[in-house]
Amino acid sequence: MNVYKNLFQTYLREKICSFRDEKQYTQEQMAELLHISPRAYIDQEHGVYGFSALSFVFFLLIIPECEVLIFLNGFKALVKDMEEDNEVA
């Protein structure tokens, strides 16, 4: 299960950072949108800590609805690829 957690945290971090860059938001603005402190956001963005379930939900609420499905399907594809790679090994 820990492998999936790490995979998800990496994927979520990449998507949140990409979203922030695309919107040209500061780390402080992203922290506000995710309802966390700027220090917590910075640590999470740098992988010191993982994003909480609540931060994930707030992220889903700020992206367009059509992108929520894209996000979920992207993670689903990562899981499938990882599982297929493990079957071969």
PDB file of N, CA and C in Angstrom:
ATOM      1  N   MET A   1       0.819  -1.197   0.000  1.00  0.00           N
ATOM      2  CA  MET A   1       0.000   0.000   0.000  1.00  0.00           C
ATOM      3  C   MET A   1       0.860   1.257   0.000  1.00  0.00           C
ATOM      4  N   ASN A   2       2.022   1.196   0.662  1.00  0.00           N
ATOM      5  CA  ASN A   2       2.895   2.356   0.744  1.00  0.00           C
ATOM      6  C   ASN A   2       3.383   2.790  -0.636  1.00  0.00           C
ATOM      7  N   VAL A   3       3.539   1.831  -1.545  1.00  0.00           N
ATOM      8  CA  VAL A   3       3.965   2.154  -2.904  1.00  0.00           C
ATOM      9  C   VAL A   3       2.922   3.027  -3.585  1.00  0.00           C
ATOM     10  N   TYR A   4       1.654   2.706  -3.393  1.00  0.00           N
ATOM     11  CA  TYR A   4       0.580   3.497  -3.989  1.00  0.00           C
ATOM     12  C   TYR A   4       0.517   4.885  -3.368  1.00  0.00           C
ATOM     13  N   LYS A   5       0.739   4.946  -2.064  1.00  0.00           N
ATOM     14  CA  LYS A   5       0.720   6.239  -1.374  1.00  0.00           C
ATOM     15  C   LYS A   5       1.825   7.139  -1.918  1.00  0.00           C
ATOM     16  N   ASN A   6       3.017   6.593  -2.057  1.00  0.00           N
ATOM     17  CA  ASN A   6       4.135   7.377  -2.599  1.00  0.00           C
ATOM     18  C   ASN A   6       3.880   7.790  -4.037  1.00  0.00           C
ATOM     19  N   LEU A   7       3.343   6.884  -4.827  1.00  0.00           N
ATOM     20  CA  LEU A   7       3.016   7.191  -6.216  1.00  0.00           C
ATOM     21  C   LEU A   7       2.000   8.323  -6.283  1.00  0.00           C
ATOM     22  N   PHE A   8       0.967   8.238  -5.438  1.00  0.00           N
ATOM     23  CA  PHE A   8      -0.068   9.272  -5.423  1.00  0.00           C
ATOM     24  C   PHE A   8       0.491  10.612  -4.969  1.00  0.00           C
ATOM     25  N   GLN A   9       1.297  10.609  -3.902  1.00  0.00           N
ATOM     26  CA  GLN A   9       1.849  11.863  -3.401  1.00  0.00           C
ATOM     27  C   GLN A   9       2.730  12.538  -4.454  1.00  0.00           C
ATOM     28  N   THR A  10       3.522  11.765  -5.154  1.00  0.00           N
ATOM     29  CA  THR A  10       4.369  12.321  -6.213  1.00  0.00           C
ATOM     30  C   THR A  10       3.517  12.887  -7.338  1.00  0.00           C
ATOM     31  N   TYR A  11       2.517  12.133  -7.745  1.00  0.00           N
ATOM     32  CA  TYR A  11       1.618  12.571  -8.815  1.00  0.00           C
ATOM     33  C   TYR A  11       0.873  13.840  -8.407  1.00  0.00           C
ATOM     34  N   LEU A  12       0.338  13.861  -7.198  1.00  0.00           N
ATOM     35  CA  LEU A  12      -0.398  15.029  -6.709  1.00  0.00           C
ATOM     36  C   LEU A  12       0.522  16.247  -6.632  1.00  0.00           C
ATOM     37  N   ARG A  13       1.721  16.061  -6.108  1.00  0.00           N
ATOM     38  CA  ARG A  13       2.683  17.164  -6.013  1.00  0.00           C
ATOM     39  C   ARG A  13       2.969  17.740  -7.395  1.00  0.00           C
ATOM     40  N   GLU A  14       3.202  16.879  -8.368  1.00  0.00           N
ATOM     41  CA  GLU A  14       3.486  17.340  -9.727  1.00  0.00           C
ATOM     42  C   GLU A  14       2.310  18.126 -10.303  1.00  0.00           C
ATOM     43  N   LYS A  15       1.097  17.636 -10.070  1.00  0.00           N
ATOM     44  CA  LYS A  15      -0.086  18.297 -10.618  1.00  0.00           C
ATOM     45  C   LYS A  15      -0.337  19.641  -9.933  1.00  0.00           C
ATOM     46  N   ILE A  16      -0.151  19.693  -8.630  1.00  0.00           N
ATOM     47  CA  ILE A  16      -0.358  20.951  -7.914  1.00  0.00           C
ATOM     48  C   ILE A  16       0.692  21.978  -8.337  1.00  0.00           C
ATOM     49  N   CYS A  17       1.935  21.556  -8.447  1.00  0.00           N
ATOM     50  CA  CYS A  17       2.997  22.475  -8.877  1.00  0.00           C
ATOM     51  C   CYS A  17       2.766  22.957 -10.300  1.00  0.00           C
ATOM     52  N   SER A  18       2.346  22.051 -11.145  1.00  0.00           N
ATOM     53  CA  SER A  18       2.050  22.408 -12.535  1.00  0.00           C
ATOM     54  C   SER A  18       0.892  23.413 -12.598  1.00  0.00           C
ATOM     55  N   PHE A  19      -0.132  23.170 -11.797  1.00  0.00           N
ATOM     56  CA  PHE A  19      -1.272  24.081 -11.735  1.00  0.00           C
ATOM     57  C   PHE A  19      -0.815  25.458 -11.260  1.00  0.00           C
ATOM     58  N   ARG A  20       0.012  25.495 -10.223  1.00  0.00           N
ATOM     59  CA  ARG A  20       0.501  26.764  -9.683  1.00  0.00           C
ATOM     60  C   ARG A  20       1.309  27.521 -10.731  1.00  0.00           C
ATOM     61  N   ASP A  21       2.185  26.812 -11.442  1.00  0.00           N
ATOM     62  CA  ASP A  21       2.982  27.444 -12.493  1.00  0.00           C
ATOM     63  C   ASP A  21       2.103  27.972 -13.620  1.00  0.00           C
ATOM     64  N   GLU A  22       1.143  27.164 -14.022  1.00  0.00           N
ATOM     65  CA  GLU A  22       0.242  27.540 -15.116  1.00  0.00           C
ATOM     66  C   GLU A  22      -0.547  28.810 -14.772  1.00  0.00           C
ATOM     67  N   LYS A  23      -1.012  28.897 -13.541  1.00  0.00           N
ATOM     68  CA  LYS A  23      -1.808  30.048 -13.105  1.00  0.00           C
ATOM     69  C   LYS A  23      -0.942  31.200 -12.611  1.00  0.00           C
ATOM     70  N   GLN A  24       0.357  30.963 -12.509  1.00  0.00           N
ATOM     71  CA  GLN A  24       1.321  31.933 -12.007  1.00  0.00           C
ATOM     72  C   GLN A  24       0.962  32.404 -10.594  1.00  0.00           C
ATOM     73  N   TYR A  25       0.530  31.442  -9.778  1.00  0.00           N
ATOM     74  CA  TYR A  25       0.227  31.718  -8.379  1.00  0.00           C
ATOM     75  C   TYR A  25       1.507  31.620  -7.557  1.00  0.00           C
ATOM     76  N   THR A  26       1.565  32.402  -6.515  1.00  0.00           N
ATOM     77  CA  THR A  26       2.664  32.281  -5.566  1.00  0.00           C
ATOM     78  C   THR A  26       2.395  31.076  -4.666  1.00  0.00           C
ATOM     79  N   GLN A  27       3.420  30.680  -3.927  1.00  0.00           N
ATOM     80  CA  GLN A  27       3.222  29.604  -2.968  1.00  0.00           C
ATOM     81  C   GLN A  27       2.218  30.025  -1.900  1.00  0.00           C
ATOM     82  N   GLU A  28       2.233  31.289  -1.538  1.00  0.00           N
ATOM     83  CA  GLU A  28       1.291  31.801  -0.542  1.00  0.00           C
ATOM     84  C   GLU A  28      -0.146  31.734  -1.058  1.00  0.00           C
ATOM     85  N   GLN A  29      -0.338  32.061  -2.333  1.00  0.00           N
ATOM     86  CA  GLN A  29      -1.682  31.980  -2.915  1.00  0.00           C
ATOM     87  C   GLN A  29      -2.178  30.544  -2.957  1.00  0.00           C
ATOM     88  N   MET A  30      -1.289  29.613  -3.300  1.00  0.00           N
ATOM     89  CA  MET A  30      -1.690  28.202  -3.323  1.00  0.00           C
ATOM     90  C   MET A  30      -2.026  27.720  -1.925  1.00  0.00           C
ATOM     91  N   ALA A  31      -1.236  28.141  -0.954  1.00  0.00           N
ATOM     92  CA  ALA A  31      -1.514  27.754   0.429  1.00  0.00           C
ATOM     93  C   ALA A  31      -2.907  28.222   0.832  1.00  0.00           C
ATOM     94  N   GLU A  32      -3.241  29.428   0.463  1.00  0.00           N
ATOM     95  CA  GLU A  32      -4.571  29.966   0.792  1.00  0.00           C
ATOM     96  C   GLU A  32      -5.666  29.155   0.120  1.00  0.00           C
ATOM     97  N   LEU A  33      -5.471  28.811  -1.148  1.00  0.00           N
ATOM     98  CA  LEU A  33      -6.471  28.022  -1.874  1.00  0.00           C
ATOM     99  C   LEU A  33      -6.659  26.632  -1.275  1.00  0.00           C
ATOM    100  N   LEU A  34      -5.570  26.080  -0.732  1.00  0.00           N
ATOM    101  CA  LEU A  34      -5.625  24.736  -0.144  1.00  0.00           C
ATOM    102  C   LEU A  34      -5.944  24.765   1.351  1.00  0.00           C
ATOM    103  N   HIS A  35      -6.103  25.971   1.885  1.00  0.00           N
ATOM    104  CA  HIS A  35      -6.460  26.159   3.296  1.00  0.00           C
ATOM    105  C   HIS A  35      -5.405  25.599   4.245  1.00  0.00           C
ATOM    106  N   ILE A  36      -4.133  25.875   3.896  1.00  0.00           N
ATOM    107  CA  ILE A  36      -3.022  25.477   4.744  1.00  0.00           C
ATOM    108  C   ILE A  36      -2.086  26.673   4.883  1.00  0.00           C
ATOM    109  N   SER A  37      -1.150  26.565   5.789  1.00  0.00           N
ATOM    110  CA  SER A  37      -0.196  27.661   5.978  1.00  0.00           C
ATOM    111  C   SER A  37       0.811  27.678   4.827  1.00  0.00           C
ATOM    112  N   PRO A  38       1.378  28.856   4.550  1.00  0.00           N
ATOM    113  CA  PRO A  38       2.409  28.915   3.505  1.00  0.00           C
ATOM    114  C   PRO A  38       3.586  27.978   3.801  1.00  0.00           C
ATOM    115  N   ARG A  39       4.008  27.877   5.053  1.00  0.00           N
ATOM    116  CA  ARG A  39       5.121  26.988   5.411  1.00  0.00           C
ATOM    117  C   ARG A  39       4.762  25.530   5.103  1.00  0.00           C
ATOM    118  N   ALA A  40       3.535  25.136   5.446  1.00  0.00           N
ATOM    119  CA  ALA A  40       3.096  23.768   5.162  1.00  0.00           C
ATOM    120  C   ALA A  40       3.083  23.521   3.658  1.00  0.00           C
ATOM    121  N   TYR A  41       2.607  24.504   2.887  1.00  0.00           N
ATOM    122  CA  TYR A  41       2.575  24.340   1.435  1.00  0.00           C
ATOM    123  C   TYR A  41       3.986  24.172   0.878  1.00  0.00           C
ATOM    124  N   ILE A  42       4.897  25.023   1.312  1.00  0.00           N
ATOM    125  CA  ILE A  42       6.275  24.960   0.820  1.00  0.00           C
ATOM    126  C   ILE A  42       6.883  23.593   1.129  1.00  0.00           C
ATOM    127  N   ASP A  43       6.689  23.112   2.351  1.00  0.00           N
ATOM    128  CA  ASP A  43       7.207  21.790   2.718  1.00  0.00           C
ATOM    129  C   ASP A  43       6.585  20.691   1.870  1.00  0.00           C
ATOM    130  N   GLN A  44       5.301  20.794   1.608  1.00  0.00           N
ATOM    131  CA  GLN A  44       4.625  19.779   0.806  1.00  0.00           C
ATOM    132  C   GLN A  44       5.077  19.844  -0.648  1.00  0.00           C
ATOM    133  N   GLU A  45       5.233  21.044  -1.161  1.00  0.00           N
ATOM    134  CA  GLU A  45       5.685  21.196  -2.542  1.00  0.00           C
ATOM    135  C   GLU A  45       7.084  20.609  -2.731  1.00  0.00           C
ATOM    136  N   HIS A  46       7.909  20.716  -1.711  1.00  0.00           N
ATOM    137  CA  HIS A  46       9.279  20.195  -1.789  1.00  0.00           C
ATOM    138  C   HIS A  46       9.391  18.746  -1.333  1.00  0.00           C
ATOM    139  N   GLY A  47       8.283  18.118  -1.019  1.00  0.00           N
ATOM    140  CA  GLY A  47       8.287  16.702  -0.678  1.00  0.00           C
ATOM    141  C   GLY A  47       8.701  16.379   0.743  1.00  0.00           C
ATOM    142  N   VAL A  48       8.799  17.400   1.593  1.00  0.00           N
ATOM    143  CA  VAL A  48       9.136  17.145   2.997  1.00  0.00           C
ATOM    144  C   VAL A  48       7.996  16.383   3.658  1.00  0.00           C
ATOM    145  N   TYR A  49       6.772  16.793   3.333  1.00  0.00           N
ATOM    146  CA  TYR A  49       5.562  16.131   3.821  1.00  0.00           C
ATOM    147  C   TYR A  49       4.645  15.892   2.634  1.00  0.00           C
ATOM    148  N   GLY A  50       3.739  14.943   2.780  1.00  0.00           N
ATOM    149  CA  GLY A  50       2.755  14.696   1.747  1.00  0.00           C
ATOM    150  C   GLY A  50       1.540  15.594   1.943  1.00  0.00           C
ATOM    151  N   PHE A  51       0.800  15.794   0.884  1.00  0.00           N
ATOM    152  CA  PHE A  51      -0.444  16.557   0.969  1.00  0.00           C
ATOM    153  C   PHE A  51      -1.491  15.727   1.702  1.00  0.00           C
ATOM    154  N   SER A  52      -2.269  16.380   2.529  1.00  0.00           N
ATOM    155  CA  SER A  52      -3.323  15.693   3.277  1.00  0.00           C
ATOM    156  C   SER A  52      -4.514  15.420   2.357  1.00  0.00           C
ATOM    157  N   ALA A  53      -5.400  14.572   2.829  1.00  0.00           N
ATOM    158  CA  ALA A  53      -6.626  14.285   2.081  1.00  0.00           C
ATOM    159  C   ALA A  53      -7.441  15.565   1.906  1.00  0.00           C
ATOM    160  N   LEU A  54      -7.462  16.403   2.925  1.00  0.00           N
ATOM    161  CA  LEU A  54      -8.223  17.644   2.842  1.00  0.00           C
ATOM    162  C   LEU A  54      -7.618  18.601   1.814  1.00  0.00           C
ATOM    163  N   SER A  55      -6.299  18.689   1.771  1.00  0.00           N
ATOM    164  CA  SER A  55      -5.649  19.520   0.744  1.00  0.00           C
ATOM    165  C   SER A  55      -5.973  18.988  -0.653  1.00  0.00           C
ATOM    166  N   PHE A  56      -5.990  17.677  -0.785  1.00  0.00           N
ATOM    167  CA  PHE A  56      -6.346  17.058  -2.065  1.00  0.00           C
ATOM    168  C   PHE A  56      -7.765  17.442  -2.470  1.00  0.00           C
ATOM    169  N   VAL A  57      -8.692  17.386  -1.532  1.00  0.00           N
ATOM    170  CA  VAL A  57     -10.081  17.759  -1.828  1.00  0.00           C
ATOM    171  C   VAL A  57     -10.158  19.218  -2.237  1.00  0.00           C
ATOM    172  N   PHE A  58      -9.471  20.093  -1.518  1.00  0.00           N
ATOM    173  CA  PHE A  58      -9.487  21.504  -1.899  1.00  0.00           C
ATOM    174  C   PHE A  58      -8.869  21.715  -3.273  1.00  0.00           C
ATOM    175  N   PHE A  59      -7.847  20.940  -3.617  1.00  0.00           N
ATOM    176  CA  PHE A  59      -7.276  21.032  -4.953  1.00  0.00           C
ATOM    177  C   PHE A  59      -8.308  20.641  -6.010  1.00  0.00           C
ATOM    178  N   LEU A  60      -9.031  19.554  -5.755  1.00  0.00           N
ATOM    179  CA  LEU A  60     -10.073  19.138  -6.702  1.00  0.00           C
ATOM    180  C   LEU A  60     -11.151  20.203  -6.856  1.00  0.00           C
ATOM    181  N   LEU A  61     -11.409  20.939  -5.799  1.00  0.00           N
ATOM    182  CA  LEU A  61     -12.436  21.988  -5.851  1.00  0.00           C
ATOM    183  C   LEU A  61     -11.992  23.223  -6.622  1.00  0.00           C
ATOM    184  N   ILE A  62     -10.688  23.447  -6.749  1.00  0.00           N
ATOM    185  CA  ILE A  62     -10.233  24.652  -7.450  1.00  0.00           C
ATOM    186  C   ILE A  62      -9.930  24.412  -8.925  1.00  0.00           C
ATOM    187  N   ILE A  63      -9.786  23.150  -9.323  1.00  0.00           N
ATOM    188  CA  ILE A  63      -9.541  22.894 -10.746  1.00  0.00           C
ATOM    189  C   ILE A  63     -10.893  22.714 -11.451  1.00  0.00           C
ATOM    190  N   PRO A  64     -10.943  22.999 -12.754  1.00  0.00           N
ATOM    191  CA  PRO A  64     -12.189  22.799 -13.499  1.00  0.00           C
ATOM    192  C   PRO A  64     -12.665  21.343 -13.401  1.00  0.00           C
ATOM    193  N   GLU A  65     -13.971  21.160 -13.374  1.00  0.00           N
ATOM    194  CA  GLU A  65     -14.541  19.815 -13.223  1.00  0.00           C
ATOM    195  C   GLU A  65     -14.014  18.829 -14.262  1.00  0.00           C
ATOM    196  N   CYS A  66     -13.846  19.277 -15.486  1.00  0.00           N
ATOM    197  CA  CYS A  66     -13.355  18.370 -16.527  1.00  0.00           C
ATOM    198  C   CYS A  66     -11.936  17.896 -16.227  1.00  0.00           C
ATOM    199  N   GLU A  67     -11.153  18.698 -15.511  1.00  0.00           N
ATOM    200  CA  GLU A  67      -9.795  18.313 -15.173  1.00  0.00           C
ATOM    201  C   GLU A  67      -9.728  17.327 -14.003  1.00  0.00           C
ATOM    202  N   VAL A  68     -10.795  17.259 -13.216  1.00  0.00           N
ATOM    203  CA  VAL A  68     -10.835  16.284 -12.118  1.00  0.00           C
ATOM    204  C   VAL A  68     -10.767  14.875 -12.699  1.00  0.00           C
ATOM    205  N   LEU A  69     -11.561  14.620 -13.725  1.00  0.00           N
ATOM    206  CA  LEU A  69     -11.559  13.306 -14.360  1.00  0.00           C
ATOM    207  C   LEU A  69     -10.214  13.021 -15.028  1.00  0.00           C
ATOM    208  N   ILE A  70      -9.628  14.023 -15.640  1.00  0.00           N
ATOM    209  CA  ILE A  70      -8.309  13.868 -16.260  1.00  0.00           C
ATOM    210  C   ILE A  70      -7.275  13.505 -15.194  1.00  0.00           C
ATOM    211  N   PHE A  71      -7.351  14.189 -14.046  1.00  0.00           N
ATOM    212  CA  PHE A  71      -6.449  13.908 -12.937  1.00  0.00           C
ATOM    213  C   PHE A  71      -6.587  12.451 -12.483  1.00  0.00           C
ATOM    214  N   LEU A  72      -7.825  12.030 -12.243  1.00  0.00           N
ATOM    215  CA  LEU A  72      -8.069  10.670 -11.753  1.00  0.00           C
ATOM    216  C   LEU A  72      -7.655   9.614 -12.775  1.00  0.00           C
ATOM    217  N   ASN A  73      -7.946   9.863 -14.035  1.00  0.00           N
ATOM    218  CA  ASN A  73      -7.551   8.910 -15.075  1.00  0.00           C
ATOM    219  C   ASN A  73      -6.035   8.843 -15.230  1.00  0.00           C
ATOM    220  N   GLY A  74      -5.364   9.967 -15.019  1.00  0.00           N
ATOM    221  CA  GLY A  74      -3.900   9.974 -15.071  1.00  0.00           C
ATOM    222  C   GLY A  74      -3.311   9.107 -13.978  1.00  0.00           C
ATOM    223  N   PHE A  75      -3.869   9.202 -12.776  1.00  0.00           N
ATOM    224  CA  PHE A  75      -3.376   8.372 -11.682  1.00  0.00           C
ATOM    225  C   PHE A  75      -3.721   6.904 -11.930  1.00  0.00           C
ATOM    226  N   LYS A  76      -4.894   6.668 -12.448  1.00  0.00           N
ATOM    227  CA  LYS A  76      -5.301   5.289 -12.765  1.00  0.00           C
ATOM    228  C   LYS A  76      -4.320   4.661 -13.763  1.00  0.00           C
ATOM    229  N   ALA A  77      -3.901   5.433 -14.748  1.00  0.00           N
ATOM    230  CA  ALA A  77      -2.947   4.931 -15.743  1.00  0.00           C
ATOM    231  C   ALA A  77      -1.592   4.643 -15.103  1.00  0.00           C
ATOM    232  N   LEU A  78      -1.157   5.478 -14.168  1.00  0.00           N
ATOM    233  CA  LEU A  78       0.102   5.233 -13.467  1.00  0.00           C
ATOM    234  C   LEU A  78       0.047   3.936 -12.674  1.00  0.00           C
ATOM    235  N   VAL A  79      -1.059   3.716 -11.981  1.00  0.00           N
ATOM    236  CA  VAL A  79      -1.235   2.494 -11.201  1.00  0.00           C
ATOM    237  C   VAL A  79      -1.205   1.281 -12.123  1.00  0.00           C
ATOM    238  N   LYS A  80      -1.924   1.368 -13.217  1.00  0.00           N
ATOM    239  CA  LYS A  80      -1.971   0.248 -14.171  1.00  0.00           C
ATOM    240  C   LYS A  80      -0.580  -0.056 -14.712  1.00  0.00           C
ATOM    241  N   ASP A  81       0.158   0.991 -15.096  1.00  0.00           N
ATOM    242  CA  ASP A  81       1.514   0.791 -15.617  1.00  0.00           C
ATOM    243  C   ASP A  81       2.419   0.155 -14.567  1.00  0.00           C
ATOM    244  N   MET A  82       2.322   0.631 -13.327  1.00  0.00           N
ATOM    245  CA  MET A  82       3.147   0.093 -12.258  1.00  0.00           C
ATOM    246  C   MET A  82       2.818  -1.375 -12.008  1.00  0.00           C
ATOM    247  N   GLU A  83       1.535  -1.700 -11.989  1.00  0.00           N
ATOM    248  CA  GLU A  83       1.125  -3.081 -11.741  1.00  0.00           C
ATOM    249  C   GLU A  83       1.552  -3.995 -12.884  1.00  0.00           C
ATOM    250  N   GLU A  84       1.460  -3.496 -14.114  1.00  0.00           N
ATOM    251  CA  GLU A  84       1.899  -4.294 -15.260  1.00  0.00           C
ATOM    252  C   GLU A  84       3.402  -4.518 -15.224  1.00  0.00           C
ATOM    253  N   ASP A  85       4.153  -3.484 -14.817  1.00  0.00           N
ATOM    254  CA  ASP A  85       5.603  -3.637 -14.703  1.00  0.00           C
ATOM    255  C   ASP A  85       5.965  -4.653 -13.643  1.00  0.00           C
ATOM    256  N   ASN A  86       5.213  -4.679 -12.554  1.00  0.00           N
ATOM    257  CA  ASN A  86       5.481  -5.627 -11.474  1.00  0.00           C
ATOM    258  C   ASN A  86       5.135  -7.071 -11.852  1.00  0.00           C
ATOM    259  N   GLU A  87       4.162  -7.240 -12.749  1.00  0.00           N
ATOM    260  CA  GLU A  87       3.806  -8.576 -13.214  1.00  0.00           C
ATOM    261  C   GLU A  87       4.908  -9.163 -14.076  1.00  0.00           C
ATOM    262  N   VAL A  88       5.590  -8.312 -14.827  1.00  0.00           N
ATOM    263  CA  VAL A  88       6.666  -8.738 -15.719  1.00  0.00           C
ATOM    264  C   VAL A  88       7.890  -9.128 -14.907  1.00  0.00           C
ATOM    265  N   ALA A  89       8.129  -8.404 -13.841  1.00  0.00           N
ATOM    266  CA  ALA A  89       9.353  -8.625 -13.035  1.00  0.00           C
ATOM    267  C   ALA A  89       9.348  -9.925 -12.288  1.00  0.00           C
TER     268      ALA A  89
END
